Amino acid sequence: MADAIFSAGPPLDRDQIIAALNAYWTGRMAIVWDRSDLFGQAWARGKLLTNEQADDLLDDLRRHHDPELGVTWTSIECALDEIEPLDIEKLDLTTTLMAYPGNFQVWWDGTQTGQIFDTDDDRNLFHALSFAARKAEQVKGAVQVCIVDAADNEYPLVYYEILDGKLLIKPASNKIQ
């Protein structure tokens, strides 16, 4: 494909590159899977992935797929079953870049509407979790972070709470009592 682009000769402008790519792809096809495909399937299985985990999974799928079938939703689901769930309690929010194709909403006691962190924010999960930790310290109560899907369904992800002066972080399946 690179040869097709550079055969037009330098300097290349946008129109020349598009024409070279169109010529190259005439009579060819490629199926492309990306991180967002994996993130969506991971959510459906109750898991979150980091960008690094998604990249590793894509690489693994590429290296080990059945050449007669290709990569399928079933092979993605099976590969996700092999991945350890992301441990929210041990997540290093200062170094992990996480953007997910969905919105996150932070709720706390006494609020009718929470704070939303949407897909326009390239670190939406990082900002939602950081905000929740600060809010728990501020309100001295429980704070919940939810994933909100396109149909506005909310799925609890994690709870933050201050107990005995310490910030406790628990996955939604282990809500602090």
N, C-alpha and C. Protein backbone atom coordinates (compact mmCIF):
# COMPACT_ATOMS: atom_id res chain seq x y z
N MET A 1 0.83 -1.18 0.00
CA MET A 1 0.00 0.00 0.00
C MET A 1 0.88 1.25 0.00
N ALA A 2 1.96 1.22 0.76
CA ALA A 2 2.87 2.37 0.78
C ALA A 2 3.44 2.62 -0.61
N ASP A 3 3.75 1.55 -1.36
CA ASP A 3 4.26 1.72 -2.73
C ASP A 3 3.25 2.44 -3.60
N ALA A 4 1.96 2.13 -3.42
CA ALA A 4 0.92 2.78 -4.21
C ALA A 4 0.87 4.27 -3.93
N ILE A 5 1.08 4.64 -2.68
CA ILE A 5 1.05 6.06 -2.31
C ILE A 5 2.26 6.78 -2.88
N PHE A 6 3.44 6.19 -2.72
CA PHE A 6 4.66 6.89 -3.12
C PHE A 6 4.96 6.79 -4.61
N SER A 7 4.24 5.92 -5.33
CA SER A 7 4.45 5.83 -6.78
C SER A 7 3.96 7.08 -7.49
N ALA A 8 3.09 7.85 -6.85
CA ALA A 8 2.61 9.11 -7.43
C ALA A 8 3.71 10.16 -7.41
N GLY A 9 4.75 9.93 -6.62
CA GLY A 9 5.90 10.83 -6.56
C GLY A 9 5.68 12.01 -5.65
N PRO A 10 6.77 12.49 -5.03
CA PRO A 10 6.64 13.65 -4.14
C PRO A 10 6.53 14.93 -4.96
N PRO A 11 6.07 16.00 -4.41
CA PRO A 11 5.36 16.06 -3.14
C PRO A 11 3.91 15.62 -3.33
N LEU A 12 3.38 14.98 -2.32
CA LEU A 12 2.02 14.48 -2.40
C LEU A 12 1.08 15.41 -1.64
N ASP A 13 -0.03 15.74 -2.26
CA ASP A 13 -1.06 16.46 -1.52
C ASP A 13 -2.17 15.49 -1.16
N ARG A 14 -3.14 15.95 -0.43
CA ARG A 14 -4.22 15.10 0.07
C ARG A 14 -4.96 14.38 -1.06
N ASP A 15 -5.28 15.09 -2.12
CA ASP A 15 -6.03 14.50 -3.24
C ASP A 15 -5.22 13.39 -3.92
N GLN A 16 -3.90 13.59 -4.06
CA GLN A 16 -3.06 12.56 -4.67
C GLN A 16 -3.02 11.30 -3.80
N ILE A 17 -2.94 11.48 -2.49
CA ILE A 17 -2.91 10.33 -1.57
C ILE A 17 -4.23 9.57 -1.63
N ILE A 18 -5.35 10.29 -1.65
CA ILE A 18 -6.67 9.64 -1.73
C ILE A 18 -6.80 8.89 -3.05
N ALA A 19 -6.36 9.48 -4.14
CA ALA A 19 -6.44 8.81 -5.44
C ALA A 19 -5.57 7.55 -5.45
N ALA A 20 -4.38 7.61 -4.87
CA ALA A 20 -3.49 6.44 -4.81
C ALA A 20 -4.10 5.34 -3.95
N LEU A 21 -4.69 5.71 -2.82
CA LEU A 21 -5.33 4.70 -1.96
C LEU A 21 -6.54 4.08 -2.64
N ASN A 22 -7.35 4.90 -3.32
CA ASN A 22 -8.50 4.37 -4.05
C ASN A 22 -8.05 3.39 -5.13
N ALA A 23 -6.99 3.72 -5.85
CA ALA A 23 -6.47 2.83 -6.88
C ALA A 23 -5.97 1.52 -6.25
N TYR A 24 -5.28 1.63 -5.13
CA TYR A 24 -4.76 0.44 -4.45
C TYR A 24 -5.89 -0.48 -3.99
N TRP A 25 -6.97 0.10 -3.42
CA TRP A 25 -8.03 -0.71 -2.83
C TRP A 25 -9.08 -1.18 -3.85
N THR A 26 -8.98 -0.75 -5.09
CA THR A 26 -9.90 -1.26 -6.11
C THR A 26 -9.66 -2.76 -6.27
N GLY A 27 -10.71 -3.55 -6.08
CA GLY A 27 -10.60 -5.00 -6.19
C GLY A 27 -10.03 -5.67 -4.96
N ARG A 28 -9.91 -4.93 -3.85
CA ARG A 28 -9.41 -5.49 -2.59
C ARG A 28 -10.38 -5.14 -1.47
N MET A 29 -10.23 -5.87 -0.35
CA MET A 29 -11.06 -5.60 0.82
C MET A 29 -10.27 -5.94 2.07
N ALA A 30 -10.51 -5.19 3.13
CA ALA A 30 -9.92 -5.49 4.43
C ALA A 30 -10.98 -5.24 5.49
N ILE A 31 -11.03 -6.12 6.48
CA ILE A 31 -11.92 -5.94 7.62
C ILE A 31 -11.05 -5.43 8.77
N VAL A 32 -11.49 -4.36 9.39
CA VAL A 32 -10.68 -3.73 10.43
C VAL A 32 -11.42 -3.78 11.76
N TRP A 33 -10.74 -4.28 12.78
CA TRP A 33 -11.24 -4.26 14.16
C TRP A 33 -10.40 -3.23 14.91
N ASP A 34 -11.03 -2.51 15.82
CA ASP A 34 -10.25 -1.54 16.60
C ASP A 34 -10.62 -1.61 18.08
N ARG A 35 -9.97 -0.76 18.86
CA ARG A 35 -10.18 -0.77 20.32
C ARG A 35 -11.65 -0.63 20.70
N SER A 36 -12.38 0.23 19.99
CA SER A 36 -13.77 0.48 20.39
C SER A 36 -14.61 -0.79 20.28
N ASP A 37 -14.29 -1.67 19.32
CA ASP A 37 -14.99 -2.95 19.24
C ASP A 37 -14.75 -3.77 20.50
N LEU A 38 -13.52 -3.76 20.97
CA LEU A 38 -13.17 -4.53 22.17
C LEU A 38 -13.76 -3.92 23.42
N PHE A 39 -13.72 -2.58 23.53
CA PHE A 39 -14.28 -1.92 24.71
C PHE A 39 -15.76 -2.25 24.87
N GLY A 40 -16.51 -2.18 23.76
CA GLY A 40 -17.94 -2.46 23.82
C GLY A 40 -18.23 -3.89 24.25
N GLN A 41 -17.51 -4.85 23.71
CA GLN A 41 -17.70 -6.24 24.09
C GLN A 41 -17.25 -6.49 25.53
N ALA A 42 -16.19 -5.81 25.95
CA ALA A 42 -15.72 -5.97 27.33
C ALA A 42 -16.79 -5.49 28.31
N TRP A 43 -17.40 -4.33 28.03
CA TRP A 43 -18.47 -3.81 28.89
C TRP A 43 -19.60 -4.80 29.00
N ALA A 44 -19.96 -5.39 27.84
CA ALA A 44 -21.06 -6.35 27.83
C ALA A 44 -20.74 -7.57 28.71
N ARG A 45 -19.46 -7.83 28.94
CA ARG A 45 -19.03 -8.95 29.77
C ARG A 45 -18.64 -8.48 31.17
N GLY A 46 -18.95 -7.23 31.52
CA GLY A 46 -18.67 -6.72 32.86
C GLY A 46 -17.21 -6.43 33.12
N LYS A 47 -16.46 -6.10 32.07
CA LYS A 47 -15.03 -5.81 32.22
C LYS A 47 -14.70 -4.46 31.62
N LEU A 48 -13.63 -3.86 32.10
CA LEU A 48 -13.06 -2.67 31.50
C LEU A 48 -11.67 -3.04 31.01
N LEU A 49 -11.24 -2.43 29.93
CA LEU A 49 -9.90 -2.65 29.40
C LEU A 49 -9.16 -1.33 29.35
N THR A 50 -7.86 -1.38 29.58
CA THR A 50 -7.02 -0.21 29.30
C THR A 50 -6.71 -0.22 27.81
N ASN A 51 -6.21 0.89 27.29
CA ASN A 51 -5.79 0.93 25.90
C ASN A 51 -4.73 -0.14 25.64
N GLU A 52 -3.80 -0.30 26.58
CA GLU A 52 -2.73 -1.29 26.42
C GLU A 52 -3.30 -2.72 26.35
N GLN A 53 -4.27 -3.03 27.21
CA GLN A 53 -4.89 -4.35 27.16
C GLN A 53 -5.60 -4.57 25.83
N ALA A 54 -6.29 -3.54 25.35
CA ALA A 54 -7.00 -3.65 24.06
C ALA A 54 -6.00 -3.88 22.93
N ASP A 55 -4.88 -3.15 22.94
CA ASP A 55 -3.86 -3.34 21.90
C ASP A 55 -3.27 -4.74 21.96
N ASP A 56 -2.99 -5.24 23.16
CA ASP A 56 -2.46 -6.60 23.31
C ASP A 56 -3.46 -7.63 22.81
N LEU A 57 -4.74 -7.40 23.11
CA LEU A 57 -5.78 -8.33 22.68
C LEU A 57 -5.92 -8.33 21.15
N LEU A 58 -5.88 -7.14 20.53
CA LEU A 58 -5.93 -7.06 19.07
C LEU A 58 -4.75 -7.80 18.45
N ASP A 59 -3.56 -7.62 19.02
CA ASP A 59 -2.38 -8.30 18.51
C ASP A 59 -2.52 -9.82 18.66
N ASP A 60 -3.03 -10.26 19.80
CA ASP A 60 -3.24 -11.69 20.04
C ASP A 60 -4.26 -12.27 19.05
N LEU A 61 -5.34 -11.54 18.82
CA LEU A 61 -6.35 -12.00 17.86
C LEU A 61 -5.76 -12.09 16.45
N ARG A 62 -4.93 -11.13 16.09
CA ARG A 62 -4.30 -11.15 14.76
C ARG A 62 -3.38 -12.36 14.61
N ARG A 63 -2.60 -12.63 15.65
CA ARG A 63 -1.62 -13.72 15.57
C ARG A 63 -2.26 -15.11 15.65
N HIS A 64 -3.42 -15.24 16.33
CA HIS A 64 -3.96 -16.57 16.59
C HIS A 64 -5.33 -16.85 15.98
N HIS A 65 -5.79 -16.00 15.07
CA HIS A 65 -7.12 -16.23 14.51
C HIS A 65 -7.11 -17.42 13.55
N ASP A 66 -8.27 -18.00 13.34
CA ASP A 66 -8.46 -19.09 12.38
C ASP A 66 -8.51 -18.46 10.99
N PRO A 67 -7.55 -18.77 10.12
CA PRO A 67 -7.52 -18.11 8.82
C PRO A 67 -8.74 -18.40 7.94
N GLU A 68 -9.43 -19.50 8.21
CA GLU A 68 -10.63 -19.78 7.42
C GLU A 68 -11.83 -18.97 7.89
N LEU A 69 -11.85 -18.61 9.16
CA LEU A 69 -12.98 -17.86 9.71
C LEU A 69 -12.67 -16.38 9.91
N GLY A 70 -11.42 -16.06 10.11
CA GLY A 70 -11.04 -14.69 10.42
C GLY A 70 -11.32 -14.39 11.88
N VAL A 71 -11.37 -13.12 12.22
CA VAL A 71 -11.72 -12.70 13.58
C VAL A 71 -13.22 -12.48 13.61
N THR A 72 -13.88 -13.06 14.60
CA THR A 72 -15.33 -12.95 14.72
C THR A 72 -15.69 -12.39 16.09
N TRP A 73 -16.96 -12.03 16.26
CA TRP A 73 -17.39 -11.58 17.59
C TRP A 73 -17.19 -12.70 18.61
N THR A 74 -17.38 -13.93 18.19
CA THR A 74 -17.19 -15.06 19.10
C THR A 74 -15.73 -15.17 19.51
N SER A 75 -14.80 -15.00 18.57
CA SER A 75 -13.38 -15.09 18.94
C SER A 75 -12.99 -13.93 19.86
N ILE A 76 -13.60 -12.76 19.66
CA ILE A 76 -13.33 -11.63 20.55
C ILE A 76 -13.86 -11.93 21.95
N GLU A 77 -15.08 -12.46 22.04
CA GLU A 77 -15.66 -12.80 23.35
C GLU A 77 -14.82 -13.85 24.07
N CYS A 78 -14.35 -14.86 23.34
CA CYS A 78 -13.51 -15.89 23.96
C CYS A 78 -12.19 -15.29 24.46
N ALA A 79 -11.60 -14.41 23.66
CA ALA A 79 -10.35 -13.76 24.08
C ALA A 79 -10.58 -12.89 25.32
N LEU A 80 -11.71 -12.20 25.38
CA LEU A 80 -12.02 -11.37 26.55
C LEU A 80 -12.20 -12.21 27.81
N ASP A 81 -12.72 -13.42 27.64
CA ASP A 81 -12.89 -14.30 28.79
C ASP A 81 -11.55 -14.66 29.43
N GLU A 82 -10.47 -14.57 28.66
CA GLU A 82 -9.13 -14.89 29.15
C GLU A 82 -8.48 -13.72 29.89
N ILE A 83 -9.03 -12.53 29.73
CA ILE A 83 -8.44 -11.32 30.32
C ILE A 83 -8.89 -11.16 31.76
N GLU A 84 -7.95 -10.85 32.62
CA GLU A 84 -8.30 -10.54 34.01
C GLU A 84 -9.03 -9.20 34.06
N PRO A 85 -10.06 -9.09 34.89
CA PRO A 85 -10.75 -7.80 34.99
C PRO A 85 -9.81 -6.71 35.51
N LEU A 86 -10.06 -5.50 35.07
CA LEU A 86 -9.29 -4.35 35.53
C LEU A 86 -9.58 -4.14 37.00
N ASP A 87 -8.54 -4.07 37.81
CA ASP A 87 -8.70 -3.89 39.26
C ASP A 87 -8.77 -2.40 39.57
N ILE A 88 -9.98 -1.89 39.70
CA ILE A 88 -10.21 -0.46 39.95
C ILE A 88 -9.47 -0.01 41.21
N GLU A 89 -9.42 -0.87 42.23
CA GLU A 89 -8.81 -0.49 43.49
C GLU A 89 -7.31 -0.24 43.36
N LYS A 90 -6.66 -0.86 42.39
CA LYS A 90 -5.21 -0.73 42.22
C LYS A 90 -4.83 0.10 41.01
N LEU A 91 -5.80 0.74 40.39
CA LEU A 91 -5.56 1.50 39.17
C LEU A 91 -4.76 2.75 39.48
N ASP A 92 -3.69 2.98 38.75
CA ASP A 92 -2.87 4.18 38.91
C ASP A 92 -3.42 5.26 37.99
N LEU A 93 -4.21 6.15 38.55
CA LEU A 93 -4.88 7.17 37.74
C LEU A 93 -3.93 8.22 37.20
N THR A 94 -2.72 8.28 37.73
CA THR A 94 -1.79 9.30 37.26
C THR A 94 -1.09 8.90 35.97
N THR A 95 -1.02 7.61 35.67
CA THR A 95 -0.27 7.18 34.48
C THR A 95 -1.13 6.45 33.45
N THR A 96 -2.31 6.00 33.80
CA THR A 96 -3.11 5.20 32.88
C THR A 96 -4.03 6.10 32.07
N LEU A 97 -3.82 6.14 30.76
CA LEU A 97 -4.68 6.91 29.88
C LEU A 97 -5.83 6.01 29.45
N MET A 98 -7.05 6.42 29.79
CA MET A 98 -8.20 5.59 29.45
C MET A 98 -9.31 6.46 28.86
N ALA A 99 -9.68 6.16 27.65
CA ALA A 99 -10.85 6.78 27.04
C ALA A 99 -11.74 5.64 26.58
N TYR A 100 -13.01 5.73 26.85
CA TYR A 100 -13.94 4.68 26.50
C TYR A 100 -15.08 5.24 25.68
N PRO A 101 -15.61 4.44 24.78
CA PRO A 101 -16.69 4.91 23.92
C PRO A 101 -18.02 4.92 24.67
N GLY A 102 -18.11 5.74 25.65
CA GLY A 102 -19.32 5.85 26.45
C GLY A 102 -19.16 6.98 27.43
N ASN A 103 -20.21 7.28 28.14
CA ASN A 103 -20.18 8.34 29.14
C ASN A 103 -20.07 7.74 30.54
N PHE A 104 -19.51 8.50 31.44
CA PHE A 104 -19.46 8.12 32.84
C PHE A 104 -20.17 9.20 33.63
N GLN A 105 -20.96 8.78 34.60
CA GLN A 105 -21.69 9.72 35.43
C GLN A 105 -21.32 9.47 36.88
N VAL A 106 -21.06 10.55 37.61
CA VAL A 106 -20.69 10.46 39.02
C VAL A 106 -21.87 10.99 39.83
N TRP A 107 -22.34 10.16 40.77
CA TRP A 107 -23.47 10.49 41.64
C TRP A 107 -22.99 10.53 43.08
N TRP A 108 -23.64 11.38 43.90
CA TRP A 108 -23.37 11.37 45.33
C TRP A 108 -24.66 11.69 46.06
N ASP A 109 -24.68 11.39 47.35
CA ASP A 109 -25.88 11.58 48.16
C ASP A 109 -26.41 13.00 48.03
N GLY A 110 -27.71 13.11 47.83
CA GLY A 110 -28.36 14.41 47.79
C GLY A 110 -28.39 15.06 46.42
N THR A 111 -27.91 14.38 45.36
CA THR A 111 -27.94 14.98 44.03
C THR A 111 -29.06 14.38 43.20
N GLN A 112 -29.69 15.22 42.40
CA GLN A 112 -30.70 14.76 41.46
C GLN A 112 -30.04 14.35 40.14
N THR A 113 -29.01 15.08 39.75
CA THR A 113 -28.25 14.76 38.54
C THR A 113 -26.78 14.74 38.91
N GLY A 114 -26.06 13.86 38.30
CA GLY A 114 -24.63 13.76 38.60
C GLY A 114 -23.80 14.53 37.59
N GLN A 115 -22.50 14.46 37.78
CA GLN A 115 -21.53 15.06 36.86
C GLN A 115 -21.24 14.06 35.75
N ILE A 116 -21.33 14.49 34.49
CA ILE A 116 -21.12 13.60 33.35
C ILE A 116 -19.75 13.85 32.73
N PHE A 117 -19.06 12.76 32.40
CA PHE A 117 -17.79 12.81 31.69
C PHE A 117 -18.01 12.05 30.40
N ASP A 118 -17.99 12.75 29.26
CA ASP A 118 -18.43 12.12 28.01
C ASP A 118 -17.28 11.77 27.08
N THR A 119 -17.64 11.23 25.92
CA THR A 119 -16.65 10.73 24.96
C THR A 119 -15.85 11.83 24.29
N ASP A 120 -16.27 13.09 24.44
CA ASP A 120 -15.47 14.19 23.89
C ASP A 120 -14.20 14.41 24.70
N ASP A 121 -14.16 13.83 25.90
CA ASP A 121 -13.02 13.94 26.80
C ASP A 121 -12.14 12.71 26.57
N ASP A 122 -10.90 12.91 26.09
CA ASP A 122 -10.07 11.75 25.75
C ASP A 122 -9.51 11.02 26.98
N ARG A 123 -9.84 11.48 28.16
CA ARG A 123 -9.47 10.77 29.39
C ARG A 123 -10.70 10.69 30.30
N ASN A 124 -11.85 10.34 29.70
CA ASN A 124 -13.12 10.42 30.41
C ASN A 124 -13.16 9.55 31.67
N LEU A 125 -12.65 8.34 31.63
CA LEU A 125 -12.67 7.50 32.83
C LEU A 125 -11.73 8.05 33.89
N PHE A 126 -10.54 8.47 33.49
CA PHE A 126 -9.59 9.07 34.42
C PHE A 126 -10.22 10.26 35.15
N HIS A 127 -10.86 11.14 34.40
CA HIS A 127 -11.46 12.33 35.01
C HIS A 127 -12.65 11.97 35.90
N ALA A 128 -13.46 10.99 35.49
CA ALA A 128 -14.61 10.58 36.31
C ALA A 128 -14.14 9.99 37.64
N LEU A 129 -13.14 9.12 37.59
CA LEU A 129 -12.66 8.49 38.83
C LEU A 129 -11.95 9.50 39.74
N SER A 130 -11.17 10.39 39.15
CA SER A 130 -10.49 11.42 39.95
C SER A 130 -11.50 12.34 40.62
N PHE A 131 -12.52 12.76 39.86
CA PHE A 131 -13.56 13.62 40.40
C PHE A 131 -14.30 12.92 41.54
N ALA A 132 -14.62 11.63 41.35
CA ALA A 132 -15.35 10.88 42.38
C ALA A 132 -14.54 10.80 43.67
N ALA A 133 -13.26 10.58 43.57
CA ALA A 133 -12.41 10.50 44.78
C ALA A 133 -12.42 11.84 45.52
N ARG A 134 -12.27 12.95 44.77
CA ARG A 134 -12.30 14.27 45.40
C ARG A 134 -13.67 14.57 46.01
N LYS A 135 -14.73 14.20 45.29
CA LYS A 135 -16.09 14.46 45.76
C LYS A 135 -16.38 13.68 47.04
N ALA A 136 -15.91 12.43 47.12
CA ALA A 136 -16.12 11.62 48.34
C ALA A 136 -15.49 12.31 49.55
N GLU A 137 -14.30 12.86 49.36
CA GLU A 137 -13.65 13.58 50.47
C GLU A 137 -14.42 14.85 50.82
N GLN A 138 -14.96 15.51 49.82
CA GLN A 138 -15.69 16.76 50.03
C GLN A 138 -17.02 16.55 50.74
N VAL A 139 -17.81 15.57 50.30
CA VAL A 139 -19.15 15.38 50.85
C VAL A 139 -19.18 14.44 52.04
N LYS A 140 -18.05 13.78 52.30
CA LYS A 140 -17.95 12.82 53.42
C LYS A 140 -19.03 11.74 53.33
N GLY A 141 -19.32 11.30 52.11
CA GLY A 141 -20.33 10.27 51.91
C GLY A 141 -19.97 9.40 50.72
N ALA A 142 -20.88 8.51 50.38
CA ALA A 142 -20.66 7.58 49.27
C ALA A 142 -20.82 8.30 47.94
N VAL A 143 -19.94 7.97 47.01
CA VAL A 143 -19.99 8.50 45.65
C VAL A 143 -19.93 7.30 44.70
N GLN A 144 -20.78 7.30 43.69
CA GLN A 144 -20.86 6.19 42.75
C GLN A 144 -20.48 6.66 41.35
N VAL A 145 -19.70 5.86 40.63
CA VAL A 145 -19.39 6.13 39.23
C VAL A 145 -20.11 5.07 38.40
N CYS A 146 -20.88 5.54 37.41
CA CYS A 146 -21.63 4.63 36.53
C CYS A 146 -21.17 4.80 35.09
N ILE A 147 -21.24 3.71 34.33
CA ILE A 147 -21.12 3.79 32.88
C ILE A 147 -22.54 4.04 32.37
N VAL A 148 -22.68 4.98 31.43
CA VAL A 148 -23.98 5.28 30.85
C VAL A 148 -23.90 4.96 29.37
N ASP A 149 -24.75 4.03 28.90
CA ASP A 149 -24.70 3.63 27.50
C ASP A 149 -25.55 4.56 26.64
N ALA A 150 -25.58 4.27 25.34
CA ALA A 150 -26.29 5.13 24.39
C ALA A 150 -27.78 5.21 24.66
N ALA A 151 -28.35 4.20 25.32
CA ALA A 151 -29.79 4.21 25.65
C ALA A 151 -30.04 4.80 27.04
N ASP A 152 -29.03 5.46 27.61
CA ASP A 152 -29.10 6.08 28.94
C ASP A 152 -29.32 5.06 30.06
N ASN A 153 -28.93 3.81 29.85
CA ASN A 153 -28.93 2.83 30.94
C ASN A 153 -27.67 3.05 31.76
N GLU A 154 -27.80 2.98 33.07
CA GLU A 154 -26.65 3.19 33.95
C GLU A 154 -26.20 1.86 34.54
N TYR A 155 -24.90 1.64 34.51
CA TYR A 155 -24.31 0.43 35.08
C TYR A 155 -23.29 0.85 36.12
N PRO A 156 -23.56 0.60 37.40
CA PRO A 156 -22.59 0.99 38.43
C PRO A 156 -21.24 0.34 38.18
N LEU A 157 -20.19 1.12 38.35
CA LEU A 157 -18.83 0.66 38.10
C LEU A 157 -18.03 0.57 39.39
N VAL A 158 -18.07 1.65 40.18
CA VAL A 158 -17.23 1.70 41.38
C VAL A 158 -17.86 2.66 42.39
N TYR A 159 -17.58 2.40 43.68
CA TYR A 159 -18.04 3.27 44.76
C TYR A 159 -16.83 3.81 45.50
N TYR A 160 -16.89 5.09 45.86
CA TYR A 160 -15.89 5.74 46.69
C TYR A 160 -16.58 6.16 47.98
N GLU A 161 -15.89 5.99 49.09
CA GLU A 161 -16.45 6.44 50.36
C GLU A 161 -15.31 6.72 51.33
N ILE A 162 -15.53 7.71 52.18
CA ILE A 162 -14.57 8.01 53.24
C ILE A 162 -15.06 7.32 54.50
N LEU A 163 -14.26 6.41 55.04
CA LEU A 163 -14.54 5.75 56.30
C LEU A 163 -13.33 5.88 57.20
N ASP A 164 -13.55 6.35 58.42
CA ASP A 164 -12.46 6.55 59.38
C ASP A 164 -11.33 7.38 58.77
N GLY A 165 -11.70 8.39 57.99
CA GLY A 165 -10.71 9.28 57.42
C GLY A 165 -9.94 8.73 56.23
N LYS A 166 -10.27 7.52 55.77
CA LYS A 166 -9.57 6.91 54.64
C LYS A 166 -10.51 6.76 53.46
N LEU A 167 -9.97 6.98 52.26
CA LEU A 167 -10.74 6.80 51.04
C LEU A 167 -10.77 5.31 50.70
N LEU A 168 -11.97 4.75 50.63
CA LEU A 168 -12.15 3.36 50.23
C LEU A 168 -12.72 3.31 48.83
N ILE A 169 -12.19 2.41 48.02
CA ILE A 169 -12.63 2.24 46.64
C ILE A 169 -13.04 0.80 46.48
N LYS A 170 -14.28 0.58 46.04
CA LYS A 170 -14.78 -0.78 45.87
C LYS A 170 -15.48 -0.89 44.52
N PRO A 171 -15.24 -2.00 43.80
CA PRO A 171 -16.03 -2.25 42.59
C PRO A 171 -17.51 -2.31 42.94
N ALA A 172 -18.38 -2.01 42.00
CA ALA A 172 -19.81 -1.98 42.26
C ALA A 172 -20.34 -3.29 42.81
N SER A 173 -19.71 -4.40 42.44
CA SER A 173 -20.17 -5.69 42.93
C SER A 173 -19.90 -5.85 44.44
N ASN A 174 -19.04 -4.99 45.00
CA ASN A 174 -18.70 -5.04 46.42
C ASN A 174 -19.02 -3.71 47.10
N LYS A 175 -20.23 -3.20 46.90
CA LYS A 175 -20.60 -1.89 47.44
C LYS A 175 -20.34 -1.83 48.94
N ILE A 176 -19.77 -0.73 49.35
CA ILE A 176 -19.48 -0.51 50.77
C ILE A 176 -20.78 -0.45 51.54
N GLN A 177 -20.90 -1.22 52.60
CA GLN A 177 -22.14 -1.24 53.39
C GLN A 177 -22.03 -0.26 54.54
